[in-house]
C-alpha atoms as a PDB file:
ATOM      1  CA  UNK A   1      11.347  16.420  -1.562  1.00  0.00           C
ATOM      2  CA  UNK A   2      11.557  18.377   1.618  1.00  0.00           C
ATOM      3  CA  UNK A   3      12.559  17.004   4.796  1.00  0.00           C
ATOM      4  CA  UNK A   4       9.064  17.762   6.368  1.00  0.00           C
ATOM      5  CA  UNK A   5       7.490  15.660   3.556  1.00  0.00           C
ATOM      6  CA  UNK A   6       9.724  12.747   4.371  1.00  0.00           C
ATOM      7  CA  UNK A   7       8.849  12.873   7.968  1.00  0.00           C
ATOM      8  CA  UNK A   8       5.178  13.002   7.046  1.00  0.00           C
ATOM      9  CA  UNK A   9       5.470  10.025   4.751  1.00  0.00           C
ATOM     10  CA  UNK A  10       7.165   7.986   7.487  1.00  0.00           C
ATOM     11  CA  UNK A  11       4.500   9.180  10.086  1.00  0.00           C
ATOM     12  CA  UNK A  12       1.913   7.854   7.486  1.00  0.00           C
ATOM     13  CA  UNK A  13       3.598   4.873   7.019  1.00  0.00           C
ATOM     14  CA  UNK A  14       3.774   3.920  10.849  1.00  0.00           C
ATOM     15  CA  UNK A  15      -0.006   4.747  11.296  1.00  0.00           C
ATOM     16  CA  UNK A  16      -0.680   2.429   8.341  1.00  0.00           C
ATOM     17  CA  UNK A  17       1.442  -0.379   9.998  1.00  0.00           C
ATOM     18  CA  UNK A  18      -0.288   0.208  13.336  1.00  0.00           C
ATOM     19  CA  UNK A  19      -3.954   0.098  11.617  1.00  0.00           C
ATOM     20  CA  UNK A  20      -2.936  -3.375  10.303  1.00  0.00           C
ATOM     21  CA  UNK A  21      -2.054  -4.666  13.533  1.00  0.00           C
ATOM     22  CA  UNK A  22      -4.340  -5.896  16.224  1.00  0.00           C
ATOM     23  CA  UNK A  23      -2.263  -4.176  18.760  1.00  0.00           C
ATOM     24  CA  UNK A  24      -0.857  -0.516  19.406  1.00  0.00           C
ATOM     25  CA  UNK A  25       2.981  -0.385  19.050  1.00  0.00           C
ATOM     26  CA  UNK A  26       5.099   2.067  20.850  1.00  0.00           C
ATOM     27  CA  UNK A  27       8.715   3.068  20.294  1.00  0.00           C
ATOM     28  CA  UNK A  28      11.272   3.715  22.891  1.00  0.00           C
ATOM     29  CA  UNK A  29      12.746   7.348  23.347  1.00  0.00           C
ATOM     30  CA  UNK A  30      16.125   5.731  22.418  1.00  0.00           C
ATOM     31  CA  UNK A  31      14.564   4.434  19.189  1.00  0.00           C
ATOM     32  CA  UNK A  32      13.205   7.987  18.351  1.00  0.00           C
ATOM     33  CA  UNK A  33      16.439   9.596  19.331  1.00  0.00           C
ATOM     34  CA  UNK A  34      18.272   7.205  16.644  1.00  0.00           C
ATOM     35  CA  UNK A  35      15.901   8.855  13.853  1.00  0.00           C
ATOM     36  CA  UNK A  36      16.952  12.308  15.225  1.00  0.00           C
ATOM     37  CA  UNK A  37      13.709  12.980  17.086  1.00  0.00           C
ATOM     38  CA  UNK A  38      12.777  13.848  20.529  1.00  0.00           C
ATOM     39  CA  UNK A  39       9.383  13.516  22.408  1.00  0.00           C
ATOM     40  CA  UNK A  40       6.855  10.899  22.295  1.00  0.00           C
ATOM     41  CA  UNK A  41       6.535   7.799  20.264  1.00  0.00           C
ATOM     42  CA  UNK A  42       4.803   8.376  16.636  1.00  0.00           C
ATOM     43  CA  UNK A  43       3.455   4.835  16.193  1.00  0.00           C
ATOM     44  CA  UNK A  44       0.121   4.449  18.333  1.00  0.00           C
ATOM     45  CA  UNK A  45       0.606   8.196  19.286  1.00  0.00           C
ATOM     46  CA  UNK A  46      -2.919   9.721  19.847  1.00  0.00           C
ATOM     47  CA  UNK A  47      -4.630   6.315  19.798  1.00  0.00           C
ATOM     48  CA  UNK A  48      -6.220   5.447  23.050  1.00  0.00           C
ATOM     49  CA  UNK A  49      -6.313   1.812  24.462  1.00  0.00           C
ATOM     50  CA  UNK A  50      -9.420   0.084  23.791  1.00  0.00           C
ATOM     51  CA  UNK A  51     -12.083   0.030  20.826  1.00  0.00           C
ATOM     52  CA  UNK A  52     -10.655  -3.498  20.130  1.00  0.00           C
ATOM     53  CA  UNK A  53      -6.957  -2.446  20.356  1.00  0.00           C
ATOM     54  CA  UNK A  54      -4.541  -2.330  23.305  1.00  0.00           C
ATOM     55  CA  UNK A  55      -0.885  -1.373  23.739  1.00  0.00           C
ATOM     56  CA  UNK A  56       1.495  -4.396  23.152  1.00  0.00           C
ATOM     57  CA  UNK A  57       2.477  -6.170  26.239  1.00  0.00           C
ATOM     58  CA  UNK A  58       3.615  -9.387  24.796  1.00  0.00           C
ATOM     59  CA  UNK A  59       5.560 -10.756  21.672  1.00  0.00           C
ATOM     60  CA  UNK A  60       5.695  -8.335  18.646  1.00  0.00           C
ATOM     61  CA  UNK A  61       3.927  -9.956  15.925  1.00  0.00           C
ATOM     62  CA  UNK A  62       6.279  -8.638  13.407  1.00  0.00           C
ATOM     63  CA  UNK A  63       9.005 -10.493  14.644  1.00  0.00           C
ATOM     64  CA  UNK A  64       9.866 -14.219  14.964  1.00  0.00           C
ATOM     65  CA  UNK A  65       8.449 -15.774  17.880  1.00  0.00           C
ATOM     66  CA  UNK A  66      11.249 -16.962  20.341  1.00  0.00           C
ATOM     67  CA  UNK A  67      11.135 -20.378  22.553  1.00  0.00           C
ATOM     68  CA  UNK A  68       9.767 -20.108  26.135  1.00  0.00           C
ATOM     69  CA  UNK A  69      13.175 -20.717  27.477  1.00  0.00           C
ATOM     70  CA  UNK A  70      15.540 -18.986  24.887  1.00  0.00           C
ATOM     71  CA  UNK A  71      19.189 -19.969  24.621  1.00  0.00           C
ATOM     72  CA  UNK A  72      22.127 -17.753  23.459  1.00  0.00           C
ATOM     73  CA  UNK A  73      21.873 -19.607  20.050  1.00  0.00           C
ATOM     74  CA  UNK A  74      18.144 -18.746  19.828  1.00  0.00           C
ATOM     75  CA  UNK A  75      18.753 -15.056  20.362  1.00  0.00           C
ATOM     76  CA  UNK A  76      21.383 -15.170  17.599  1.00  0.00           C
ATOM     77  CA  UNK A  77      18.961 -17.053  15.341  1.00  0.00           C
ATOM     78  CA  UNK A  78      15.691 -14.969  16.047  1.00  0.00           C
ATOM     79  CA  UNK A  79      17.111 -11.542  16.871  1.00  0.00           C
ATOM     80  CA  UNK A  80      20.618 -10.962  15.673  1.00  0.00           C
ATOM     81  CA  UNK A  81      20.879  -8.354  12.826  1.00  0.00           C
ATOM     82  CA  UNK A  82      23.905 -10.535  11.250  1.00  0.00           C
ATOM     83  CA  UNK A  83      26.486 -12.611  12.725  1.00  0.00           C
ATOM     84  CA  UNK A  84      28.797 -13.262   9.712  1.00  0.00           C
ATOM     85  CA  UNK A  85      31.620 -10.900  11.195  1.00  0.00           C
ATOM     86  CA  UNK A  86      31.433 -12.716  14.627  1.00  0.00           C
ATOM     87  CA  UNK A  87      31.630 -16.270  13.099  1.00  0.00           C
ATOM     88  CA  UNK A  88      34.423 -15.244  10.862  1.00  0.00           C
ATOM     89  CA  UNK A  89      36.460 -13.662  13.586  1.00  0.00           C
ATOM     90  CA  UNK A  90      35.993 -16.856  15.935  1.00  0.00           C
ATOM     91  CA  UNK A  91      36.598 -19.002  13.097  1.00  0.00           C
ATOM     92  CA  UNK A  92      40.126 -17.212  12.378  1.00  0.00           C
ATOM     93  CA  UNK A  93      40.901 -17.647  16.124  1.00  0.00           C
ATOM     94  CA  UNK A  94      40.061 -21.403  15.956  1.00  0.00           C
ATOM     95  CA  UNK A  95      42.115 -21.754  12.936  1.00  0.00           C
ATOM     96  CA  UNK A  96      45.011 -20.185  14.805  1.00  0.00           C
ATOM     97  CA  UNK A  97      44.620 -22.588  17.611  1.00  0.00           C
ATOM     98  CA  UNK A  98      43.595 -19.971  20.047  1.00  0.00           C
ATOM     99  CA  UNK A  99      42.304 -21.289  23.560  1.00  0.00           C
ATOM    100  CA  UNK A 100      38.676 -21.934  23.534  1.00  0.00           C
ATOM    101  CA  UNK A 101      38.259 -18.812  26.152  1.00  0.00           C
ATOM    102  CA  UNK A 102      39.493 -16.660  23.377  1.00  0.00           C
ATOM    103  CA  UNK A 103      37.582 -18.262  20.635  1.00  0.00           C
ATOM    104  CA  UNK A 104      34.343 -17.458  22.607  1.00  0.00           C
ATOM    105  CA  UNK A 105      35.449 -13.851  23.381  1.00  0.00           C
ATOM    106  CA  UNK A 106      35.935 -13.527  19.534  1.00  0.00           C
ATOM    107  CA  UNK A 107      32.508 -15.136  18.968  1.00  0.00           C
ATOM    108  CA  UNK A 108      30.742 -12.595  21.324  1.00  0.00           C
ATOM    109  CA  UNK A 109      32.721  -9.665  21.251  1.00  0.00           C
ATOM    110  CA  UNK A 110      30.413  -7.568  19.088  1.00  0.00           C
ATOM    111  CA  UNK A 111      27.222  -9.351  20.546  1.00  0.00           C
ATOM    112  CA  UNK A 112      25.707  -5.922  21.576  1.00  0.00           C
ATOM    113  CA  UNK A 113      26.026  -4.604  17.867  1.00  0.00           C
ATOM    114  CA  UNK A 114      24.164  -7.754  16.586  1.00  0.00           C
ATOM    115  CA  UNK A 115      21.571  -7.748  19.308  1.00  0.00           C
ATOM    116  CA  UNK A 116      21.122  -4.561  21.129  1.00  0.00           C
ATOM    117  CA  UNK A 117      23.057  -1.275  20.347  1.00  0.00           C
ATOM    118  CA  UNK A 118      26.178   0.123  18.597  1.00  0.00           C
ATOM    119  CA  UNK A 119      26.979   2.866  20.807  1.00  0.00           C
ATOM    120  CA  UNK A 120      29.592   1.849  23.392  1.00  0.00           C
ATOM    121  CA  UNK A 121      28.928  -1.901  22.362  1.00  0.00           C
ATOM    122  CA  UNK A 122      32.005  -3.379  24.076  1.00  0.00           C
ATOM    123  CA  UNK A 123      30.690  -2.190  27.415  1.00  0.00           C
ATOM    124  CA  UNK A 124      27.003  -3.232  26.937  1.00  0.00           C
ATOM    125  CA  UNK A 125      28.139  -6.634  25.228  1.00  0.00           C
ATOM    126  CA  UNK A 126      30.134  -7.282  28.451  1.00  0.00           C
ATOM    127  CA  UNK A 127      27.278  -6.208  30.716  1.00  0.00           C
ATOM    128  CA  UNK A 128      25.077  -8.582  28.777  1.00  0.00           C
ATOM    129  CA  UNK A 129      27.025 -11.774  28.999  1.00  0.00           C
ATOM    130  CA  UNK A 130      28.711 -11.201  32.385  1.00  0.00           C
ATOM    131  CA  UNK A 131      26.614 -13.490  34.584  1.00  0.00           C
ATOM    132  CA  UNK A 132      27.235 -16.420  32.063  1.00  0.00           C
ATOM    133  CA  UNK A 133      30.970 -16.553  31.043  1.00  0.00           C
ATOM    134  CA  UNK A 134      34.112 -16.465  32.868  1.00  0.00           C
ATOM    135  CA  UNK A 135      35.296 -12.991  34.107  1.00  0.00           C
ATOM    136  CA  UNK A 136      38.194 -12.814  31.860  1.00  0.00           C
ATOM    137  CA  UNK A 137      36.042 -13.091  28.645  1.00  0.00           C
ATOM    138  CA  UNK A 138      33.525 -10.385  29.875  1.00  0.00           C
ATOM    139  CA  UNK A 139      36.592  -8.306  30.821  1.00  0.00           C
ATOM    140  CA  UNK A 140      38.167  -8.714  27.431  1.00  0.00           C
ATOM    141  CA  UNK A 141      34.884  -7.932  25.489  1.00  0.00           C
ATOM    142  CA  UNK A 142      34.627  -4.785  27.594  1.00  0.00           C
ATOM    143  CA  UNK A 143      38.495  -3.881  26.948  1.00  0.00           C
ATOM    144  CA  UNK A 144      38.310  -4.382  23.243  1.00  0.00           C
ATOM    145  CA  UNK A 145      36.133  -1.155  22.886  1.00  0.00           C
ATOM    146  CA  UNK A 146      39.167   0.702  23.737  1.00  0.00           C
ATOM    147  CA  UNK A 147      42.095  -1.421  22.599  1.00  0.00           C
ATOM    148  CA  UNK A 148      40.733  -1.472  18.952  1.00  0.00           C
ATOM    149  CA  UNK A 149      41.827   2.067  18.488  1.00  0.00           C
ATOM    150  CA  UNK A 150      45.327   1.736  19.759  1.00  0.00           C
ATOM    151  CA  UNK A 151      48.100  -0.283  17.800  1.00  0.00           C
ATOM    152  CA  UNK A 152      50.238  -2.892  19.349  1.00  0.00           C
ATOM    153  CA  UNK A 153      53.240  -3.812  17.189  1.00  0.00           C
ATOM    154  CA  UNK A 154      54.210  -6.741  19.443  1.00  0.00           C
ATOM    155  CA  UNK A 155      51.464  -8.665  18.071  1.00  0.00           C
ATOM    156  CA  UNK A 156      51.186  -6.994  14.604  1.00  0.00           C
ATOM    157  CA  UNK A 157      47.887  -4.975  15.368  1.00  0.00           C
ATOM    158  CA  UNK A 158      47.880  -1.925  13.540  1.00  0.00           C
ATOM    159  CA  UNK A 159      45.056   0.780  13.654  1.00  0.00           C
ATOM    160  CA  UNK A 160      42.397  -0.404  11.126  1.00  0.00           C
ATOM    161  CA  UNK A 161      42.330   1.245   7.650  1.00  0.00           C
ATOM    162  CA  UNK A 162      38.498   0.924   7.892  1.00  0.00           C
ATOM    163  CA  UNK A 163      38.382   3.418  10.836  1.00  0.00           C
ATOM    164  CA  UNK A 164      40.213   5.974   8.689  1.00  0.00           C
ATOM    165  CA  UNK A 165      37.662   5.624   5.970  1.00  0.00           C
ATOM    166  CA  UNK A 166      34.699   5.715   8.305  1.00  0.00           C
ATOM    167  CA  UNK A 167      35.692   8.261  11.024  1.00  0.00           C
ATOM    168  CA  UNK A 168      38.405  10.165   9.038  1.00  0.00           C
ATOM    169  CA  UNK A 169      42.143  10.500   9.644  1.00  0.00           C
ATOM    170  CA  UNK A 170      41.778  13.279  12.182  1.00  0.00           C
ATOM    171  CA  UNK A 171      39.518  11.103  14.398  1.00  0.00           C
ATOM    172  CA  UNK A 172      40.617  11.078  18.233  1.00  0.00           C
ATOM    173  CA  UNK A 173      38.731   8.623  20.410  1.00  0.00           C
ATOM    174  CA  UNK A 174      37.086  10.229  23.419  1.00  0.00           C
ATOM    175  CA  UNK A 175      38.894  10.749  26.740  1.00  0.00           C
ATOM    176  CA  UNK A 176      37.197   7.713  28.523  1.00  0.00           C
ATOM    177  CA  UNK A 177      38.509   5.570  25.637  1.00  0.00           C
ATOM    178  CA  UNK A 178      41.971   6.567  26.043  1.00  0.00           C
ATOM    179  CA  UNK A 179      41.704   6.276  29.947  1.00  0.00           C
ATOM    180  CA  UNK A 180      40.085   2.573  29.535  1.00  0.00           C
ATOM    181  CA  UNK A 181      43.076   1.906  27.218  1.00  0.00           C
ATOM    182  CA  UNK A 182      45.667   2.896  29.440  1.00  0.00           C
ATOM    183  CA  UNK A 183      44.028   0.825  32.370  1.00  0.00           C
ATOM    184  CA  UNK A 184      43.839  -2.241  30.143  1.00  0.00           C
ATOM    185  CA  UNK A 185      47.420  -2.011  28.935  1.00  0.00           C
ATOM    186  CA  UNK A 186      48.627  -2.777  32.439  1.00  0.00           C
ATOM    187  CA  UNK A 187      46.037  -5.537  33.105  1.00  0.00           C
ATOM    188  CA  UNK A 188      46.633  -9.032  33.651  1.00  0.00           C
ATOM    189  CA  UNK A 189      44.139  -9.981  30.964  1.00  0.00           C
ATOM    190  CA  UNK A 190      45.290  -7.448  28.513  1.00  0.00           C
ATOM    191  CA  UNK A 191      46.366 -10.086  25.993  1.00  0.00           C
ATOM    192  CA  UNK A 192      43.227 -11.788  25.945  1.00  0.00           C
ATOM    193  CA  UNK A 193      41.376  -8.504  24.969  1.00  0.00           C
ATOM    194  CA  UNK A 194      44.253  -7.778  22.567  1.00  0.00           C
ATOM    195  CA  UNK A 195      43.445 -11.237  20.849  1.00  0.00           C
ATOM    196  CA  UNK A 196      40.045 -10.126  20.263  1.00  0.00           C
ATOM    197  CA  UNK A 197      41.383  -7.088  18.320  1.00  0.00           C
ATOM    198  CA  UNK A 198      43.879  -9.250  16.498  1.00  0.00           C
ATOM    199  CA  UNK A 199      41.131 -11.538  15.113  1.00  0.00           C
ATOM    200  CA  UNK A 200      38.497  -8.875  14.777  1.00  0.00           C
ATOM    201  CA  UNK A 201      38.230  -9.282  11.084  1.00  0.00           C
ATOM    202  CA  UNK A 202      37.366  -5.820   9.421  1.00  0.00           C
ATOM    203  CA  UNK A 203      37.292  -7.091   6.008  1.00  0.00           C
ATOM    204  CA  UNK A 204      36.378 -10.663   4.907  1.00  0.00           C
ATOM    205  CA  UNK A 205      35.341 -12.577   2.118  1.00  0.00           C
ATOM    206  CA  UNK A 206      31.485 -12.529   2.048  1.00  0.00           C
ATOM    207  CA  UNK A 207      31.354 -15.419   0.012  1.00  0.00           C
ATOM    208  CA  UNK A 208      32.912 -17.463   2.739  1.00  0.00           C
ATOM    209  CA  UNK A 209      30.174 -19.057   4.965  1.00  0.00           C
ATOM    210  CA  UNK A 210      30.839 -20.003   8.416  1.00  0.00           C
ATOM    211  CA  UNK A 211      28.217 -21.844  10.425  1.00  0.00           C
ATOM    212  CA  UNK A 212      27.671 -22.059  13.975  1.00  0.00           C
ATOM    213  CA  UNK A 213      28.282 -25.920  14.065  1.00  0.00           C
ATOM    214  CA  UNK A 214      32.157 -25.658  15.111  1.00  0.00           C
ATOM    215  CA  UNK A 215      31.212 -23.439  17.885  1.00  0.00           C
ATOM    216  CA  UNK A 216      28.247 -25.180  19.537  1.00  0.00           C
ATOM    217  CA  UNK A 217      30.465 -27.387  21.713  1.00  0.00           C
ATOM    218  CA  UNK A 218      32.634 -24.434  22.727  1.00  0.00           C
ATOM    219  CA  UNK A 219      29.504 -22.250  23.818  1.00  0.00           C
ATOM    220  CA  UNK A 220      28.164 -25.397  25.794  1.00  0.00           C
ATOM    221  CA  UNK A 221      31.541 -25.583  27.624  1.00  0.00           C
ATOM    222  CA  UNK A 222      32.060 -21.849  28.368  1.00  0.00           C
ATOM    223  CA  UNK A 223      28.580 -20.096  28.441  1.00  0.00           C
ATOM    224  CA  UNK A 224      26.432 -20.940  31.449  1.00  0.00           C
ATOM    225  CA  UNK A 225      23.178 -21.343  29.957  1.00  0.00           C
ATOM    226  CA  UNK A 226      20.431 -20.948  32.544  1.00  0.00           C
ATOM    227  CA  UNK A 227      17.775 -23.575  32.842  1.00  0.00           C
ATOM    228  CA  UNK A 228      14.884 -20.991  32.833  1.00  0.00           C
ATOM    229  CA  UNK A 229      16.074 -19.335  29.735  1.00  0.00           C
ATOM    230  CA  UNK A 230      17.859 -16.027  29.017  1.00  0.00           C
ATOM    231  CA  UNK A 231      15.842 -13.436  30.457  1.00  0.00           C
ATOM    232  CA  UNK A 232      14.174 -15.484  33.222  1.00  0.00           C
ATOM    233  CA  UNK A 233      16.969 -16.402  35.618  1.00  0.00           C
ATOM    234  CA  UNK A 234      17.098 -13.228  37.690  1.00  0.00           C
ATOM    235  CA  UNK A 235      20.554 -12.513  36.817  1.00  0.00           C
ATOM    236  CA  UNK A 236      21.807  -8.673  36.639  1.00  0.00           C
ATOM    237  CA  UNK A 237      21.400  -8.791  32.955  1.00  0.00           C
ATOM    238  CA  UNK A 238      18.239 -10.633  32.573  1.00  0.00           C
ATOM    239  CA  UNK A 239      16.207  -7.580  31.727  1.00  0.00           C
ATOM    240  CA  UNK A 240      18.628  -6.942  29.043  1.00  0.00           C
ATOM    241  CA  UNK A 241      17.644 -10.169  27.407  1.00  0.00           C
ATOM    242  CA  UNK A 242      13.966  -9.550  27.999  1.00  0.00           C
ATOM    243  CA  UNK A 243      14.134  -6.246  26.254  1.00  0.00           C
ATOM    244  CA  UNK A 244      15.914  -7.759  23.190  1.00  0.00           C
ATOM    245  CA  UNK A 245      13.239 -10.598  23.193  1.00  0.00           C
ATOM    246  CA  UNK A 246      10.303  -8.020  23.157  1.00  0.00           C
ATOM    247  CA  UNK A 247      11.772  -4.677  22.202  1.00  0.00           C
ATOM    248  CA  UNK A 248       8.398  -3.025  21.615  1.00  0.00           C
ATOM    249  CA  UNK A 249       6.566  -4.068  24.833  1.00  0.00           C
ATOM    250  CA  UNK A 250       4.780  -1.163  26.182  1.00  0.00           C
ATOM    251  CA  UNK A 251       5.924  -1.275  29.844  1.00  0.00           C
END
């Protein structure tokens, strides 16, 4: 089967999905780039608003509806692509009697992976939570993006074997990652970020189930949940939470 045929099948499936909905669904440019495509969205393309259908400006009917004032745990419940890695990493930190600040950092270190985007996830994740946590926590989450590529024998952290498998033995991090590692290495909160990498489980028993229960109180003490709900408090990252809540909103 040729690549063109696969593309045609994908377009036909998208048209079918759009036909079955009462609204027209659009895809962002970033979404299309993830599929190796440039240009306008496919889903809804060429279909004018009206005739009983309009472009989506509210909740996506294909996704679970979120509460009007969503909390951090609501986002993990209704929008996360998977949280087992985060829970197991935080659980390890908890078992090792790490301070609650570090447990929270481990719990949230890959929040961008789970809710938003993988590329530069440490930077995105830090920006997402920055208004709601101690500065040390967001700094550490941002810094772990670079630190994970560099070993530290003083705490027993080695370059992950999984990275060799996933990226190849000859992979060299980008220059900005090297730069940010050197800056972080001399920072007063270096060890906080390093503890994220130490407890960042790259391989864990999938049969072990860790629930949110041990972390609810820690989140309550160290995450400043806005009364209006995440996305509605006019913080510098509120728009990011709104986008995660309604990822296919037309404008």
